[in-house]
Amino acid sequence: MRYENIEPVAAGFYNIAEKIGFYSLLPRTAEQAAATYYILSLIALVFGRFACTALMKFIKPRILLASLAIIAFILCLITIYSQGFSGVYALVGISGCMSLMFPTIYAIGITGLKDDTKIGGSGMVMAIAGAAVLTQIQGIVSDQAGSIKLAYWVPAFAFLVIAYYGLVISRKIRETLYQ
């Protein structure tokens, strides 16, 4: 078995990690308010999925992936450093950005694997379980810093890894396939 194209598994790991971390730590809000924000974030996720699918007709998937990851990173910064509702709205916006990430990472990751497609796909699915590790790190950051907001640096880092994957790694994978 060859160990090529391991980067998509890592990108999938970080993608699921930021999703788990994002949905796990909503800054101290009342239960009803948190439920409302969660529903809004799911609406943004669904809307983002349809909008991004349409945009893929005009924008390369890897570029759209990287762009959404960069936007999500910026929204994480807003979440971390803003006061009031702007941080919560930024969290809802992040959900819209996440809508395209896993399917795009998965599709790019299994491209060209031929006989190894099932193994490659399995590795990406297994990365989902491993991604729970970063949620633990996010909890530790929150506890040590005494701030849930600062714990959002963990998914912010994950978004940067995904942006790098979209801009650099996926391009290298494609170039390797078509040499």
C-alpha atoms as a PDB file:
ATOM      1  CA  MET A   1       0.000   0.000   0.000  1.00  0.00           C
ATOM      2  CA  ARG A   2       1.320   3.438  -0.928  1.00  0.00           C
ATOM      3  CA  TYR A   3       1.135   6.394   1.431  1.00  0.00           C
ATOM      4  CA  GLU A   4       0.629   9.088  -1.156  1.00  0.00           C
ATOM      5  CA  ASN A   5      -1.846  11.939  -0.900  1.00  0.00           C
ATOM      6  CA  ILE A   6      -2.031  11.773   2.884  1.00  0.00           C
ATOM      7  CA  GLU A   7      -2.668  15.529   2.976  1.00  0.00           C
ATOM      8  CA  PRO A   8      -6.396  15.218   2.197  1.00  0.00           C
ATOM      9  CA  VAL A   9      -6.782  13.059   5.302  1.00  0.00           C
ATOM     10  CA  ALA A  10      -5.099  15.777   7.361  1.00  0.00           C
ATOM     11  CA  ALA A  11      -7.310  18.436   5.790  1.00  0.00           C
ATOM     12  CA  GLY A  12     -10.391  16.340   6.543  1.00  0.00           C
ATOM     13  CA  PHE A  13      -9.169  15.943  10.122  1.00  0.00           C
ATOM     14  CA  TYR A  14      -8.855  19.703  10.585  1.00  0.00           C
ATOM     15  CA  ASN A  15     -12.167  20.323   8.834  1.00  0.00           C
ATOM     16  CA  ILE A  16     -14.103  18.074  11.181  1.00  0.00           C
ATOM     17  CA  ALA A  17     -12.152  19.397  14.167  1.00  0.00           C
ATOM     18  CA  GLU A  18     -13.188  22.974  13.458  1.00  0.00           C
ATOM     19  CA  LYS A  19     -16.790  21.900  12.960  1.00  0.00           C
ATOM     20  CA  ILE A  20     -16.897  20.055  16.265  1.00  0.00           C
ATOM     21  CA  GLY A  21     -15.153  22.901  18.040  1.00  0.00           C
ATOM     22  CA  PHE A  22     -17.389  25.471  16.445  1.00  0.00           C
ATOM     23  CA  TYR A  23     -20.631  23.787  17.429  1.00  0.00           C
ATOM     24  CA  SER A  24     -19.411  22.732  20.882  1.00  0.00           C
ATOM     25  CA  LEU A  25     -18.468  26.071  22.376  1.00  0.00           C
ATOM     26  CA  LEU A  26     -21.058  28.779  21.967  1.00  0.00           C
ATOM     27  CA  PRO A  27     -20.024  31.643  24.252  1.00  0.00           C
ATOM     28  CA  ARG A  28     -22.033  31.734  27.467  1.00  0.00           C
ATOM     29  CA  THR A  29     -25.569  32.201  26.254  1.00  0.00           C
ATOM     30  CA  ALA A  30     -28.944  31.197  27.577  1.00  0.00           C
ATOM     31  CA  GLU A  31     -30.221  27.851  26.345  1.00  0.00           C
ATOM     32  CA  GLN A  32     -33.007  29.323  24.184  1.00  0.00           C
ATOM     33  CA  ALA A  33     -30.693  31.910  22.629  1.00  0.00           C
ATOM     34  CA  ALA A  34     -28.051  29.258  21.941  1.00  0.00           C
ATOM     35  CA  ALA A  35     -30.686  27.069  20.265  1.00  0.00           C
ATOM     36  CA  THR A  36     -31.741  30.004  18.079  1.00  0.00           C
ATOM     37  CA  TYR A  37     -28.141  30.721  17.034  1.00  0.00           C
ATOM     38  CA  TYR A  38     -27.590  27.046  16.325  1.00  0.00           C
ATOM     39  CA  ILE A  39     -30.668  26.935  14.077  1.00  0.00           C
ATOM     40  CA  LEU A  40     -29.478  30.088  12.293  1.00  0.00           C
ATOM     41  CA  SER A  41     -26.065  28.501  11.787  1.00  0.00           C
ATOM     42  CA  LEU A  42     -27.675  25.393  10.281  1.00  0.00           C
ATOM     43  CA  ILE A  43     -29.712  27.590   7.931  1.00  0.00           C
ATOM     44  CA  ALA A  44     -26.470  29.335   6.927  1.00  0.00           C
ATOM     45  CA  LEU A  45     -24.894  25.909   6.382  1.00  0.00           C
ATOM     46  CA  VAL A  46     -27.702  24.802   4.046  1.00  0.00           C
ATOM     47  CA  PHE A  47     -27.795  28.120   2.195  1.00  0.00           C
ATOM     48  CA  GLY A  48     -24.013  28.074   1.870  1.00  0.00           C
ATOM     49  CA  ARG A  49     -24.094  24.569   0.453  1.00  0.00           C
ATOM     50  CA  PHE A  50     -26.475  25.520  -2.356  1.00  0.00           C
ATOM     51  CA  ALA A  51     -24.753  28.840  -3.037  1.00  0.00           C
ATOM     52  CA  CYS A  52     -21.313  27.239  -3.158  1.00  0.00           C
ATOM     53  CA  THR A  53     -22.504  24.456  -5.425  1.00  0.00           C
ATOM     54  CA  ALA A  54     -23.704  27.117  -7.855  1.00  0.00           C
ATOM     55  CA  LEU A  55     -20.448  29.068  -7.511  1.00  0.00           C
ATOM     56  CA  MET A  56     -18.416  25.978  -8.424  1.00  0.00           C
ATOM     57  CA  LYS A  57     -19.580  26.419 -11.994  1.00  0.00           C
ATOM     58  CA  PHE A  58     -17.521  29.614 -12.132  1.00  0.00           C
ATOM     59  CA  ILE A  59     -14.792  29.154  -9.514  1.00  0.00           C
ATOM     60  CA  LYS A  60     -12.384  26.226  -9.169  1.00  0.00           C
ATOM     61  CA  PRO A  61     -13.365  24.117  -6.152  1.00  0.00           C
ATOM     62  CA  ARG A  62      -9.913  24.412  -4.547  1.00  0.00           C
ATOM     63  CA  ILE A  63     -10.002  28.219  -4.868  1.00  0.00           C
ATOM     64  CA  LEU A  64     -13.518  28.365  -3.429  1.00  0.00           C
ATOM     65  CA  LEU A  65     -12.417  26.067  -0.586  1.00  0.00           C
ATOM     66  CA  ALA A  66      -9.426  28.274   0.227  1.00  0.00           C
ATOM     67  CA  SER A  67     -11.505  31.457  -0.025  1.00  0.00           C
ATOM     68  CA  LEU A  68     -14.143  30.140   2.355  1.00  0.00           C
ATOM     69  CA  ALA A  69     -11.469  28.976   4.796  1.00  0.00           C
ATOM     70  CA  ILE A  70      -9.870  32.441   4.778  1.00  0.00           C
ATOM     71  CA  ILE A  71     -13.257  34.103   5.285  1.00  0.00           C
ATOM     72  CA  ALA A  72     -13.974  31.668   8.140  1.00  0.00           C
ATOM     73  CA  PHE A  73     -10.592  32.532   9.681  1.00  0.00           C
ATOM     74  CA  ILE A  74     -11.455  36.240   9.551  1.00  0.00           C
ATOM     75  CA  LEU A  75     -14.854  35.512  11.089  1.00  0.00           C
ATOM     76  CA  CYS A  76     -13.064  33.587  13.863  1.00  0.00           C
ATOM     77  CA  LEU A  77     -10.998  36.701  14.569  1.00  0.00           C
ATOM     78  CA  ILE A  78     -14.204  38.732  14.760  1.00  0.00           C
ATOM     79  CA  THR A  79     -15.629  36.127  17.148  1.00  0.00           C
ATOM     80  CA  ILE A  80     -12.531  36.284  19.330  1.00  0.00           C
ATOM     81  CA  TYR A  81     -12.088  40.043  19.505  1.00  0.00           C
ATOM     82  CA  SER A  82     -15.546  41.560  19.103  1.00  0.00           C
ATOM     83  CA  GLN A  83     -18.030  42.525  21.766  1.00  0.00           C
ATOM     84  CA  GLY A  84     -21.760  41.860  21.733  1.00  0.00           C
ATOM     85  CA  PHE A  85     -23.728  40.225  18.985  1.00  0.00           C
ATOM     86  CA  SER A  86     -21.210  40.773  16.197  1.00  0.00           C
ATOM     87  CA  GLY A  87     -19.235  37.778  17.486  1.00  0.00           C
ATOM     88  CA  VAL A  88     -22.322  35.590  17.491  1.00  0.00           C
ATOM     89  CA  TYR A  89     -23.218  36.691  13.970  1.00  0.00           C
ATOM     90  CA  ALA A  90     -19.658  35.900  12.909  1.00  0.00           C
ATOM     91  CA  LEU A  91     -20.153  32.380  14.287  1.00  0.00           C
ATOM     92  CA  VAL A  92     -23.296  31.999  12.195  1.00  0.00           C
ATOM     93  CA  GLY A  93     -21.325  33.200   9.157  1.00  0.00           C
ATOM     94  CA  ILE A  94     -18.629  30.611   9.828  1.00  0.00           C
ATOM     95  CA  SER A  95     -21.271  27.920   9.477  1.00  0.00           C
ATOM     96  CA  GLY A  96     -22.030  29.115   5.959  1.00  0.00           C
ATOM     97  CA  CYS A  97     -18.327  28.923   5.131  1.00  0.00           C
ATOM     98  CA  MET A  98     -18.061  25.358   6.422  1.00  0.00           C
ATOM     99  CA  SER A  99     -20.830  24.120   4.137  1.00  0.00           C
ATOM    100  CA  LEU A 100     -18.543  23.257   1.253  1.00  0.00           C
ATOM    101  CA  MET A 101     -15.402  22.188   3.050  1.00  0.00           C
ATOM    102  CA  PHE A 102     -15.706  18.459   3.745  1.00  0.00           C
ATOM    103  CA  PRO A 103     -17.251  17.430   0.412  1.00  0.00           C
ATOM    104  CA  THR A 104     -14.652  19.451  -1.484  1.00  0.00           C
ATOM    105  CA  ILE A 105     -11.719  18.156   0.558  1.00  0.00           C
ATOM    106  CA  TYR A 106     -13.047  14.622   0.086  1.00  0.00           C
ATOM    107  CA  ALA A 107     -13.553  14.978  -3.673  1.00  0.00           C
ATOM    108  CA  ILE A 108     -10.115  16.514  -4.222  1.00  0.00           C
ATOM    109  CA  GLY A 109      -8.543  13.933  -1.933  1.00  0.00           C
ATOM    110  CA  ILE A 110      -9.810  10.854  -3.748  1.00  0.00           C
ATOM    111  CA  THR A 111      -9.205  12.251  -7.231  1.00  0.00           C
ATOM    112  CA  GLY A 112      -6.844  10.024  -9.160  1.00  0.00           C
ATOM    113  CA  LEU A 113      -6.475   7.317  -6.514  1.00  0.00           C
ATOM    114  CA  LYS A 114      -7.865   4.693  -8.913  1.00  0.00           C
ATOM    115  CA  ASP A 115      -7.587   1.301  -7.162  1.00  0.00           C
ATOM    116  CA  ASP A 116      -6.854   3.024  -3.843  1.00  0.00           C
ATOM    117  CA  THR A 117     -10.014   5.163  -3.850  1.00  0.00           C
ATOM    118  CA  LYS A 118     -11.760   3.063  -1.193  1.00  0.00           C
ATOM    119  CA  ILE A 119      -8.713   3.114   1.070  1.00  0.00           C
ATOM    120  CA  GLY A 120      -8.251   6.865   0.585  1.00  0.00           C
ATOM    121  CA  GLY A 121     -11.911   7.523   1.285  1.00  0.00           C
ATOM    122  CA  SER A 122     -11.740   5.314   4.380  1.00  0.00           C
ATOM    123  CA  GLY A 123      -8.790   7.291   5.689  1.00  0.00           C
ATOM    124  CA  MET A 124     -10.692  10.518   5.301  1.00  0.00           C
ATOM    125  CA  VAL A 125     -13.720   9.105   7.088  1.00  0.00           C
ATOM    126  CA  MET A 126     -11.507   7.818   9.924  1.00  0.00           C
ATOM    127  CA  ALA A 127     -10.061  11.318  10.294  1.00  0.00           C
ATOM    128  CA  ILE A 128     -13.511  12.340  11.523  1.00  0.00           C
ATOM    129  CA  ALA A 129     -13.074  10.290  14.700  1.00  0.00           C
ATOM    130  CA  GLY A 130      -9.562  11.565  15.288  1.00  0.00           C
ATOM    131  CA  ALA A 131     -10.682  15.156  14.946  1.00  0.00           C
ATOM    132  CA  ALA A 132     -12.248  15.032  18.392  1.00  0.00           C
ATOM    133  CA  VAL A 133      -8.709  15.520  19.736  1.00  0.00           C
ATOM    134  CA  LEU A 134      -8.706  19.177  18.694  1.00  0.00           C
ATOM    135  CA  THR A 135     -11.972  19.722  20.526  1.00  0.00           C
ATOM    136  CA  GLN A 136     -10.201  18.595  23.683  1.00  0.00           C
ATOM    137  CA  ILE A 137      -7.416  21.070  22.936  1.00  0.00           C
ATOM    138  CA  GLN A 138     -10.017  23.787  22.448  1.00  0.00           C
ATOM    139  CA  GLY A 139     -11.481  22.939  25.852  1.00  0.00           C
ATOM    140  CA  ILE A 140      -8.034  23.064  27.462  1.00  0.00           C
ATOM    141  CA  VAL A 141      -7.352  26.468  25.876  1.00  0.00           C
ATOM    142  CA  SER A 142     -10.706  27.710  27.147  1.00  0.00           C
ATOM    143  CA  ASP A 143     -10.018  26.437  30.667  1.00  0.00           C
ATOM    144  CA  GLN A 144      -6.438  27.711  30.827  1.00  0.00           C
ATOM    145  CA  ALA A 145      -7.218  31.113  29.320  1.00  0.00           C
ATOM    146  CA  GLY A 146     -10.474  31.456  31.219  1.00  0.00           C
ATOM    147  CA  SER A 147     -12.104  32.517  27.964  1.00  0.00           C
ATOM    148  CA  ILE A 148     -14.243  30.605  25.520  1.00  0.00           C
ATOM    149  CA  LYS A 149     -13.530  33.305  22.953  1.00  0.00           C
ATOM    150  CA  LEU A 150      -9.788  32.619  23.001  1.00  0.00           C
ATOM    151  CA  ALA A 151     -10.492  28.928  22.450  1.00  0.00           C
ATOM    152  CA  TYR A 152     -11.699  29.857  18.960  1.00  0.00           C
ATOM    153  CA  TRP A 153      -8.031  30.152  17.992  1.00  0.00           C
ATOM    154  CA  VAL A 154      -8.098  26.357  17.625  1.00  0.00           C
ATOM    155  CA  PRO A 155     -10.693  26.304  14.803  1.00  0.00           C
ATOM    156  CA  ALA A 156      -9.068  29.474  13.396  1.00  0.00           C
ATOM    157  CA  PHE A 157      -5.837  27.493  13.017  1.00  0.00           C
ATOM    158  CA  ALA A 158      -7.790  24.638  11.409  1.00  0.00           C
ATOM    159  CA  PHE A 159      -9.218  27.075   8.852  1.00  0.00           C
ATOM    160  CA  LEU A 160      -5.689  28.210   7.972  1.00  0.00           C
ATOM    161  CA  VAL A 161      -4.654  24.581   7.408  1.00  0.00           C
ATOM    162  CA  ILE A 162      -7.667  24.101   5.129  1.00  0.00           C
ATOM    163  CA  ALA A 163      -6.844  27.304   3.220  1.00  0.00           C
ATOM    164  CA  TYR A 164      -3.285  26.032   2.730  1.00  0.00           C
ATOM    165  CA  TYR A 165      -4.660  22.725   1.502  1.00  0.00           C
ATOM    166  CA  GLY A 166      -6.928  24.495  -0.980  1.00  0.00           C
ATOM    167  CA  LEU A 167      -4.261  26.849  -2.288  1.00  0.00           C
ATOM    168  CA  VAL A 168      -1.123  24.710  -2.235  1.00  0.00           C
ATOM    169  CA  ILE A 169      -1.582  21.019  -1.514  1.00  0.00           C
ATOM    170  CA  SER A 170      -4.567  20.352  -3.775  1.00  0.00           C
ATOM    171  CA  ARG A 171      -2.708  22.053  -6.611  1.00  0.00           C
ATOM    172  CA  LYS A 172       0.322  19.797  -6.059  1.00  0.00           C
ATOM    173  CA  ILE A 173      -1.938  16.742  -6.030  1.00  0.00           C
ATOM    174  CA  ARG A 174      -3.506  17.791  -9.322  1.00  0.00           C
ATOM    175  CA  GLU A 175      -0.115  18.539 -10.910  1.00  0.00           C
ATOM    176  CA  THR A 176       1.180  15.120  -9.816  1.00  0.00           C
ATOM    177  CA  LEU A 177      -1.830  13.405 -11.374  1.00  0.00           C
ATOM    178  CA  TYR A 178      -1.437  15.054 -14.749  1.00  0.00           C
ATOM    179  CA  GLN A 179       2.334  14.777 -15.243  1.00  0.00           C
END
